[in-house]
Amino acid sequence: MAEPLVLRDVSRSYASGGGRLEVLRGCDLTLAAGEIVALVAPSGTGKSTLLHIAGLLDRPDRGDVLVAGRAVGTLADTARTAIRRDAIGFVYQFHHLLGEFTALENVAMPQMIAGVRRREAEARGRALLAGLGLADRAEHVPGKLSGGEQQRVAIARALANRPGVLLADEPTGNLDVATAAMVFDALLEVVRGHGAAALIATHNPELAARMDRIVTLQDGRLVSLAK
């Protein structure tokens, strides 16, 4: 079976002051099913660029991205959008929930966009929310939820379409220490339970140490760190 996510020789640069700023230089990364990898690096080193390329939100200048064994670098935008919708889940530092919809509706909506019937989408949404300790909060809009609850809804939404890959950019960075630990516990449990491969960017060394392995960016290259 193909690995959920593979980056091969990925490089990315941007125009800067009449020249080019090299952000990523020949990055290689393979995520196995059920594996949770921490991406730890200072701000400005290319973490977000790497996540955007892995999540098909950006294209590398060189190299390729394989999702479930399929090379996606040269696909048309419509095909990339479909893969991103069905195979990749995203969790950000800020939850980006739709404020006028309930927690359940926020989780059901991505499924319905993908063609799942409302009843089935809501049943899965309730199951995901219950697994994250939010069974009694399903009918609440985000404004009636705490920060930790909102982020757990965002995690449920990211997993709604059963993606093989979960990408998270500082998912607990906007939370206090106790709430961050609780949300991270829930994230680890649900990702492992679903067998997804996860790449999680974090500045928190304690959280990083709880993942399967740690990588960092040095001079635009991915380097493994000892735990």
C-alpha atoms as a PDB file:
ATOM      1  CA  MET A   1       0.000   0.000   0.000  1.00  0.00           C
ATOM      2  CA  ALA A   2       1.282   3.456  -0.923  1.00  0.00           C
ATOM      3  CA  GLU A   3       2.275   5.869   1.831  1.00  0.00           C
ATOM      4  CA  PRO A   4      -0.323   8.604   2.495  1.00  0.00           C
ATOM      5  CA  LEU A   5       2.103  11.462   1.811  1.00  0.00           C
ATOM      6  CA  VAL A   6       5.520  11.692   0.170  1.00  0.00           C
ATOM      7  CA  LEU A   7       7.527  14.820  -0.640  1.00  0.00           C
ATOM      8  CA  ARG A   8      10.372  14.280  -3.109  1.00  0.00           C
ATOM      9  CA  ASP A   9      13.117  16.853  -3.633  1.00  0.00           C
ATOM     10  CA  VAL A  10      10.699  19.727  -2.991  1.00  0.00           C
ATOM     11  CA  SER A  11      12.124  23.229  -3.503  1.00  0.00           C
ATOM     12  CA  ARG A  12      10.383  26.591  -3.373  1.00  0.00           C
ATOM     13  CA  SER A  13      11.644  30.137  -3.771  1.00  0.00           C
ATOM     14  CA  TYR A  14      10.029  33.566  -4.008  1.00  0.00           C
ATOM     15  CA  ALA A  15      10.935  36.817  -5.714  1.00  0.00           C
ATOM     16  CA  SER A  16      12.671  39.143  -3.262  1.00  0.00           C
ATOM     17  CA  GLY A  17      14.404  42.450  -3.901  1.00  0.00           C
ATOM     18  CA  GLY A  18      15.153  41.698  -7.516  1.00  0.00           C
ATOM     19  CA  GLY A  19      16.405  38.205  -6.733  1.00  0.00           C
ATOM     20  CA  ARG A  20      15.055  34.921  -5.392  1.00  0.00           C
ATOM     21  CA  LEU A  21      14.700  33.892  -1.763  1.00  0.00           C
ATOM     22  CA  GLU A  22      15.126  30.128  -1.446  1.00  0.00           C
ATOM     23  CA  VAL A  23      12.779  28.893   1.269  1.00  0.00           C
ATOM     24  CA  LEU A  24      12.836  25.143   0.660  1.00  0.00           C
ATOM     25  CA  ARG A  25      15.808  23.299  -0.864  1.00  0.00           C
ATOM     26  CA  GLY A  26      15.315  19.684  -1.894  1.00  0.00           C
ATOM     27  CA  CYS A  27      13.073  18.565   0.963  1.00  0.00           C
ATOM     28  CA  ASP A  28      12.213  14.879   1.286  1.00  0.00           C
ATOM     29  CA  LEU A  29       9.589  13.515   3.664  1.00  0.00           C
ATOM     30  CA  THR A  30       7.526  10.331   3.896  1.00  0.00           C
ATOM     31  CA  LEU A  31       4.585   9.923   6.268  1.00  0.00           C
ATOM     32  CA  ALA A  32       3.323   6.426   7.067  1.00  0.00           C
ATOM     33  CA  ALA A  33      -0.278   5.619   7.919  1.00  0.00           C
ATOM     34  CA  GLY A  34      -0.908   6.232  11.602  1.00  0.00           C
ATOM     35  CA  GLU A  35       2.342   8.162  12.035  1.00  0.00           C
ATOM     36  CA  ILE A  36       2.362  11.572  13.709  1.00  0.00           C
ATOM     37  CA  VAL A  37       5.366  13.761  12.884  1.00  0.00           C
ATOM     38  CA  ALA A  38       6.241  17.044  14.590  1.00  0.00           C
ATOM     39  CA  LEU A  39       7.594  19.903  12.483  1.00  0.00           C
ATOM     40  CA  VAL A  40       9.552  22.177  14.815  1.00  0.00           C
ATOM     41  CA  ALA A  41      11.411  25.212  13.507  1.00  0.00           C
ATOM     42  CA  PRO A  42      11.617  28.971  14.183  1.00  0.00           C
ATOM     43  CA  SER A  43       9.214  31.340  12.481  1.00  0.00           C
ATOM     44  CA  GLY A  44      10.260  32.367   9.004  1.00  0.00           C
ATOM     45  CA  THR A  45      12.100  29.145   8.171  1.00  0.00           C
ATOM     46  CA  GLY A  46       9.487  27.775   5.766  1.00  0.00           C
ATOM     47  CA  LYS A  47       7.132  25.697   7.925  1.00  0.00           C
ATOM     48  CA  SER A  48       3.988  27.214   6.453  1.00  0.00           C
ATOM     49  CA  THR A  49       5.390  26.956   2.924  1.00  0.00           C
ATOM     50  CA  LEU A  50       6.089  23.268   3.467  1.00  0.00           C
ATOM     51  CA  LEU A  51       2.585  22.670   4.835  1.00  0.00           C
ATOM     52  CA  HIS A  52       1.002  24.582   1.951  1.00  0.00           C
ATOM     53  CA  ILE A  53       2.876  22.485  -0.589  1.00  0.00           C
ATOM     54  CA  ALA A  54       2.072  19.250   1.264  1.00  0.00           C
ATOM     55  CA  GLY A  55      -1.577  20.322   1.364  1.00  0.00           C
ATOM     56  CA  LEU A  56      -1.679  21.218  -2.356  1.00  0.00           C
ATOM     57  CA  LEU A  57      -2.300  24.890  -1.601  1.00  0.00           C
ATOM     58  CA  ASP A  58       0.961  25.802  -3.352  1.00  0.00           C
ATOM     59  CA  ARG A  59       3.165  24.172  -5.974  1.00  0.00           C
ATOM     60  CA  PRO A  60       6.905  23.561  -5.631  1.00  0.00           C
ATOM     61  CA  ASP A  61       9.367  25.006  -8.123  1.00  0.00           C
ATOM     62  CA  ARG A  62      10.985  21.579  -8.277  1.00  0.00           C
ATOM     63  CA  GLY A  63      10.161  18.138  -6.942  1.00  0.00           C
ATOM     64  CA  ASP A  64       6.848  16.437  -6.446  1.00  0.00           C
ATOM     65  CA  VAL A  65       4.159  15.577  -3.934  1.00  0.00           C
ATOM     66  CA  LEU A  66       2.577  12.126  -3.860  1.00  0.00           C
ATOM     67  CA  VAL A  67      -0.746  11.583  -2.093  1.00  0.00           C
ATOM     68  CA  ALA A  68      -1.599   7.899  -1.577  1.00  0.00           C
ATOM     69  CA  GLY A  69       0.954   7.084  -4.235  1.00  0.00           C
ATOM     70  CA  ARG A  70      -0.392   9.502  -6.822  1.00  0.00           C
ATOM     71  CA  ALA A  71       1.900  12.240  -8.121  1.00  0.00           C
ATOM     72  CA  VAL A  72      -0.092  15.453  -7.966  1.00  0.00           C
ATOM     73  CA  GLY A  73       2.435  18.122  -8.913  1.00  0.00           C
ATOM     74  CA  THR A  74       1.335  18.475 -12.545  1.00  0.00           C
ATOM     75  CA  LEU A  75      -2.391  17.932 -12.055  1.00  0.00           C
ATOM     76  CA  ALA A  76      -4.867  20.673 -12.966  1.00  0.00           C
ATOM     77  CA  ASP A  77      -6.232  22.834 -10.176  1.00  0.00           C
ATOM     78  CA  THR A  78      -9.634  21.120 -10.268  1.00  0.00           C
ATOM     79  CA  ALA A  79      -8.055  17.697  -9.698  1.00  0.00           C
ATOM     80  CA  ARG A  80      -5.840  19.047  -6.923  1.00  0.00           C
ATOM     81  CA  THR A  81      -8.870  20.619  -5.248  1.00  0.00           C
ATOM     82  CA  ALA A  82     -10.712  17.282  -5.301  1.00  0.00           C
ATOM     83  CA  ILE A  83      -7.725  15.481  -3.753  1.00  0.00           C
ATOM     84  CA  ARG A  84      -7.345  18.188  -1.130  1.00  0.00           C
ATOM     85  CA  ARG A  85     -11.051  17.888  -0.250  1.00  0.00           C
ATOM     86  CA  ASP A  86     -11.113  14.101  -0.029  1.00  0.00           C
ATOM     87  CA  ALA A  87      -7.627  13.075   1.102  1.00  0.00           C
ATOM     88  CA  ILE A  88      -6.232  15.925   3.230  1.00  0.00           C
ATOM     89  CA  GLY A  89      -7.519  17.486   6.423  1.00  0.00           C
ATOM     90  CA  PHE A  90      -6.332  20.847   7.780  1.00  0.00           C
ATOM     91  CA  VAL A  91      -6.248  22.256  11.312  1.00  0.00           C
ATOM     92  CA  TYR A  92      -4.977  25.800  11.842  1.00  0.00           C
ATOM     93  CA  GLN A  93      -4.023  27.872  14.882  1.00  0.00           C
ATOM     94  CA  PHE A  94      -7.317  29.722  14.524  1.00  0.00           C
ATOM     95  CA  HIS A  95     -10.245  27.373  14.063  1.00  0.00           C
ATOM     96  CA  HIS A  96     -11.936  29.212  11.136  1.00  0.00           C
ATOM     97  CA  LEU A  97     -15.334  27.728  11.968  1.00  0.00           C
ATOM     98  CA  LEU A  98     -18.415  29.188  10.293  1.00  0.00           C
ATOM     99  CA  GLY A  99     -19.986  31.242  13.066  1.00  0.00           C
ATOM    100  CA  GLU A 100     -23.585  31.047  11.887  1.00  0.00           C
ATOM    101  CA  PHE A 101     -23.615  27.239  11.845  1.00  0.00           C
ATOM    102  CA  THR A 102     -23.637  24.787  14.755  1.00  0.00           C
ATOM    103  CA  ALA A 103     -20.697  22.561  15.614  1.00  0.00           C
ATOM    104  CA  LEU A 104     -22.496  19.633  13.977  1.00  0.00           C
ATOM    105  CA  GLU A 105     -23.202  21.625  10.814  1.00  0.00           C
ATOM    106  CA  ASN A 106     -19.566  22.706  10.618  1.00  0.00           C
ATOM    107  CA  VAL A 107     -18.508  19.050  10.668  1.00  0.00           C
ATOM    108  CA  ALA A 108     -21.258  17.817   8.348  1.00  0.00           C
ATOM    109  CA  MET A 109     -20.731  20.483   5.694  1.00  0.00           C
ATOM    110  CA  PRO A 110     -17.441  19.190   4.189  1.00  0.00           C
ATOM    111  CA  GLN A 111     -19.038  15.774   3.827  1.00  0.00           C
ATOM    112  CA  MET A 112     -22.114  17.160   2.092  1.00  0.00           C
ATOM    113  CA  ILE A 113     -19.900  19.134  -0.283  1.00  0.00           C
ATOM    114  CA  ALA A 114     -18.209  15.824  -1.101  1.00  0.00           C
ATOM    115  CA  GLY A 115     -21.587  14.278  -1.927  1.00  0.00           C
ATOM    116  CA  VAL A 116     -22.536  12.564   1.340  1.00  0.00           C
ATOM    117  CA  ARG A 117     -26.224  12.674   2.229  1.00  0.00           C
ATOM    118  CA  ARG A 118     -27.149  14.962   5.095  1.00  0.00           C
ATOM    119  CA  ARG A 119     -28.299  12.182   7.411  1.00  0.00           C
ATOM    120  CA  GLU A 120     -25.077  10.236   6.966  1.00  0.00           C
ATOM    121  CA  ALA A 121     -22.971  13.374   7.285  1.00  0.00           C
ATOM    122  CA  GLU A 122     -24.661  14.333  10.528  1.00  0.00           C
ATOM    123  CA  ALA A 123     -24.330  10.809  11.927  1.00  0.00           C
ATOM    124  CA  ARG A 124     -20.596  10.830  11.284  1.00  0.00           C
ATOM    125  CA  GLY A 125     -20.376  14.375  12.612  1.00  0.00           C
ATOM    126  CA  ARG A 126     -22.016  13.365  15.876  1.00  0.00           C
ATOM    127  CA  ALA A 127     -19.701  10.381  16.204  1.00  0.00           C
ATOM    128  CA  LEU A 128     -16.609  12.537  15.646  1.00  0.00           C
ATOM    129  CA  LEU A 129     -17.772  15.185  18.100  1.00  0.00           C
ATOM    130  CA  ALA A 130     -18.588  12.527  20.691  1.00  0.00           C
ATOM    131  CA  GLY A 131     -15.127  11.041  20.270  1.00  0.00           C
ATOM    132  CA  LEU A 132     -13.685  14.455  21.064  1.00  0.00           C
ATOM    133  CA  GLY A 133     -15.865  14.896  24.150  1.00  0.00           C
ATOM    134  CA  LEU A 134     -18.345  17.247  22.503  1.00  0.00           C
ATOM    135  CA  ALA A 135     -21.490  15.138  22.270  1.00  0.00           C
ATOM    136  CA  ASP A 136     -23.450  17.651  24.335  1.00  0.00           C
ATOM    137  CA  ARG A 137     -22.128  20.656  22.365  1.00  0.00           C
ATOM    138  CA  ALA A 138     -23.117  19.563  18.861  1.00  0.00           C
ATOM    139  CA  GLU A 139     -26.003  22.012  18.549  1.00  0.00           C
ATOM    140  CA  HIS A 140     -24.051  25.026  19.809  1.00  0.00           C
ATOM    141  CA  VAL A 141     -22.712  27.696  17.462  1.00  0.00           C
ATOM    142  CA  PRO A 142     -18.979  28.513  17.808  1.00  0.00           C
ATOM    143  CA  GLY A 143     -19.685  31.707  19.738  1.00  0.00           C
ATOM    144  CA  LYS A 144     -21.173  29.592  22.531  1.00  0.00           C
ATOM    145  CA  LEU A 145     -18.122  27.307  22.747  1.00  0.00           C
ATOM    146  CA  SER A 146     -14.839  27.786  24.571  1.00  0.00           C
ATOM    147  CA  GLY A 147     -11.578  28.133  22.643  1.00  0.00           C
ATOM    148  CA  GLY A 148     -10.657  24.525  23.333  1.00  0.00           C
ATOM    149  CA  GLU A 149     -14.081  23.314  22.262  1.00  0.00           C
ATOM    150  CA  GLN A 150     -13.903  25.318  19.043  1.00  0.00           C
ATOM    151  CA  GLN A 151     -10.519  23.810  18.203  1.00  0.00           C
ATOM    152  CA  ARG A 152     -11.814  20.298  18.863  1.00  0.00           C
ATOM    153  CA  VAL A 153     -14.690  21.009  16.459  1.00  0.00           C
ATOM    154  CA  ALA A 154     -12.082  22.099  13.913  1.00  0.00           C
ATOM    155  CA  ILE A 155     -10.279  18.773  14.399  1.00  0.00           C
ATOM    156  CA  ALA A 156     -13.539  16.886  13.865  1.00  0.00           C
ATOM    157  CA  ARG A 157     -14.176  18.899  10.707  1.00  0.00           C
ATOM    158  CA  ALA A 158     -10.674  18.144   9.415  1.00  0.00           C
ATOM    159  CA  LEU A 159     -11.310  14.409   9.807  1.00  0.00           C
ATOM    160  CA  ALA A 160     -14.877  14.469   8.492  1.00  0.00           C
ATOM    161  CA  ASN A 161     -14.053  13.108   5.033  1.00  0.00           C
ATOM    162  CA  ARG A 162     -11.731  10.384   6.400  1.00  0.00           C
ATOM    163  CA  PRO A 163      -8.541  11.925   4.982  1.00  0.00           C
ATOM    164  CA  GLY A 164      -5.403   9.849   4.824  1.00  0.00           C
ATOM    165  CA  VAL A 165      -3.339  12.925   5.714  1.00  0.00           C
ATOM    166  CA  LEU A 166      -3.841  15.521   8.445  1.00  0.00           C
ATOM    167  CA  LEU A 167      -1.829  18.758   8.362  1.00  0.00           C
ATOM    168  CA  ALA A 168      -1.871  21.053  11.376  1.00  0.00           C
ATOM    169  CA  ASP A 169      -0.220  24.454  11.749  1.00  0.00           C
ATOM    170  CA  GLU A 170       0.211  25.377  15.429  1.00  0.00           C
ATOM    171  CA  PRO A 171      -3.177  23.804  16.311  1.00  0.00           C
ATOM    172  CA  THR A 172      -2.827  24.670  20.011  1.00  0.00           C
ATOM    173  CA  GLY A 173      -0.877  27.914  19.636  1.00  0.00           C
ATOM    174  CA  ASN A 174      -3.872  30.096  20.471  1.00  0.00           C
ATOM    175  CA  LEU A 175      -4.800  28.235  23.663  1.00  0.00           C
ATOM    176  CA  ASP A 176      -3.665  28.385  27.284  1.00  0.00           C
ATOM    177  CA  VAL A 177      -1.352  25.628  28.539  1.00  0.00           C
ATOM    178  CA  ALA A 178      -3.998  23.431  30.166  1.00  0.00           C
ATOM    179  CA  THR A 179      -6.440  23.713  27.269  1.00  0.00           C
ATOM    180  CA  ALA A 180      -3.652  23.125  24.739  1.00  0.00           C
ATOM    181  CA  ALA A 181      -2.699  19.875  26.484  1.00  0.00           C
ATOM    182  CA  MET A 182      -6.334  18.709  26.490  1.00  0.00           C
ATOM    183  CA  VAL A 183      -6.846  19.544  22.819  1.00  0.00           C
ATOM    184  CA  PHE A 184      -3.570  17.897  21.873  1.00  0.00           C
ATOM    185  CA  ASP A 185      -4.538  14.735  23.770  1.00  0.00           C
ATOM    186  CA  ALA A 186      -7.767  14.646  21.782  1.00  0.00           C
ATOM    187  CA  LEU A 187      -5.921  15.283  18.517  1.00  0.00           C
ATOM    188  CA  LEU A 188      -3.451  12.437  19.088  1.00  0.00           C
ATOM    189  CA  GLU A 189      -6.162  10.003  20.099  1.00  0.00           C
ATOM    190  CA  VAL A 190      -8.463  10.699  17.171  1.00  0.00           C
ATOM    191  CA  VAL A 191      -5.667  10.765  14.555  1.00  0.00           C
ATOM    192  CA  ARG A 192      -4.264   7.449  15.769  1.00  0.00           C
ATOM    193  CA  GLY A 193      -7.759   6.013  15.953  1.00  0.00           C
ATOM    194  CA  HIS A 194      -8.429   6.938  12.335  1.00  0.00           C
ATOM    195  CA  GLY A 195      -5.042   5.719  11.122  1.00  0.00           C
ATOM    196  CA  ALA A 196      -4.248   9.023   9.424  1.00  0.00           C
ATOM    197  CA  ALA A 197      -0.726  10.270   8.784  1.00  0.00           C
ATOM    198  CA  ALA A 198      -0.198  13.636  10.445  1.00  0.00           C
ATOM    199  CA  LEU A 199       2.329  16.442  10.103  1.00  0.00           C
ATOM    200  CA  ILE A 200       1.940  18.929  12.945  1.00  0.00           C
ATOM    201  CA  ALA A 201       3.858  22.190  13.137  1.00  0.00           C
ATOM    202  CA  THR A 202       4.403  23.340  16.711  1.00  0.00           C
ATOM    203  CA  HIS A 203       6.710  25.538  18.773  1.00  0.00           C
ATOM    204  CA  ASN A 204       5.981  23.487  21.880  1.00  0.00           C
ATOM    205  CA  PRO A 205       8.843  21.018  22.581  1.00  0.00           C
ATOM    206  CA  GLU A 206       6.774  19.073  25.118  1.00  0.00           C
ATOM    207  CA  LEU A 207       4.045  18.418  22.573  1.00  0.00           C
ATOM    208  CA  ALA A 208       6.610  17.591  19.891  1.00  0.00           C
ATOM    209  CA  ALA A 209       8.236  14.999  22.169  1.00  0.00           C
ATOM    210  CA  ARG A 210       4.944  13.101  22.352  1.00  0.00           C
ATOM    211  CA  MET A 211       4.836  12.521  18.604  1.00  0.00           C
ATOM    212  CA  ASP A 212       6.474   9.628  16.774  1.00  0.00           C
ATOM    213  CA  ARG A 213       9.371  11.660  15.429  1.00  0.00           C
ATOM    214  CA  ILE A 214      10.505  15.249  14.999  1.00  0.00           C
ATOM    215  CA  VAL A 215      11.797  17.054  11.915  1.00  0.00           C
ATOM    216  CA  THR A 216      13.020  20.611  11.521  1.00  0.00           C
ATOM    217  CA  LEU A 217      14.047  22.969   8.733  1.00  0.00           C
ATOM    218  CA  GLN A 218      17.677  24.082   8.516  1.00  0.00           C
ATOM    219  CA  ASP A 219      18.755  26.284   5.622  1.00  0.00           C
ATOM    220  CA  GLY A 220      15.653  25.188   3.735  1.00  0.00           C
ATOM    221  CA  ARG A 221      16.282  21.458   4.197  1.00  0.00           C
ATOM    222  CA  LEU A 222      14.352  18.963   6.315  1.00  0.00           C
ATOM    223  CA  VAL A 223      16.450  17.381   9.049  1.00  0.00           C
ATOM    224  CA  SER A 224      15.419  14.720  11.573  1.00  0.00           C
ATOM    225  CA  LEU A 225      15.929  15.488  15.262  1.00  0.00           C
ATOM    226  CA  ALA A 226      16.499  13.062  18.096  1.00  0.00           C
ATOM    227  CA  LYS A 227      13.675  12.913  20.645  1.00  0.00           C
END
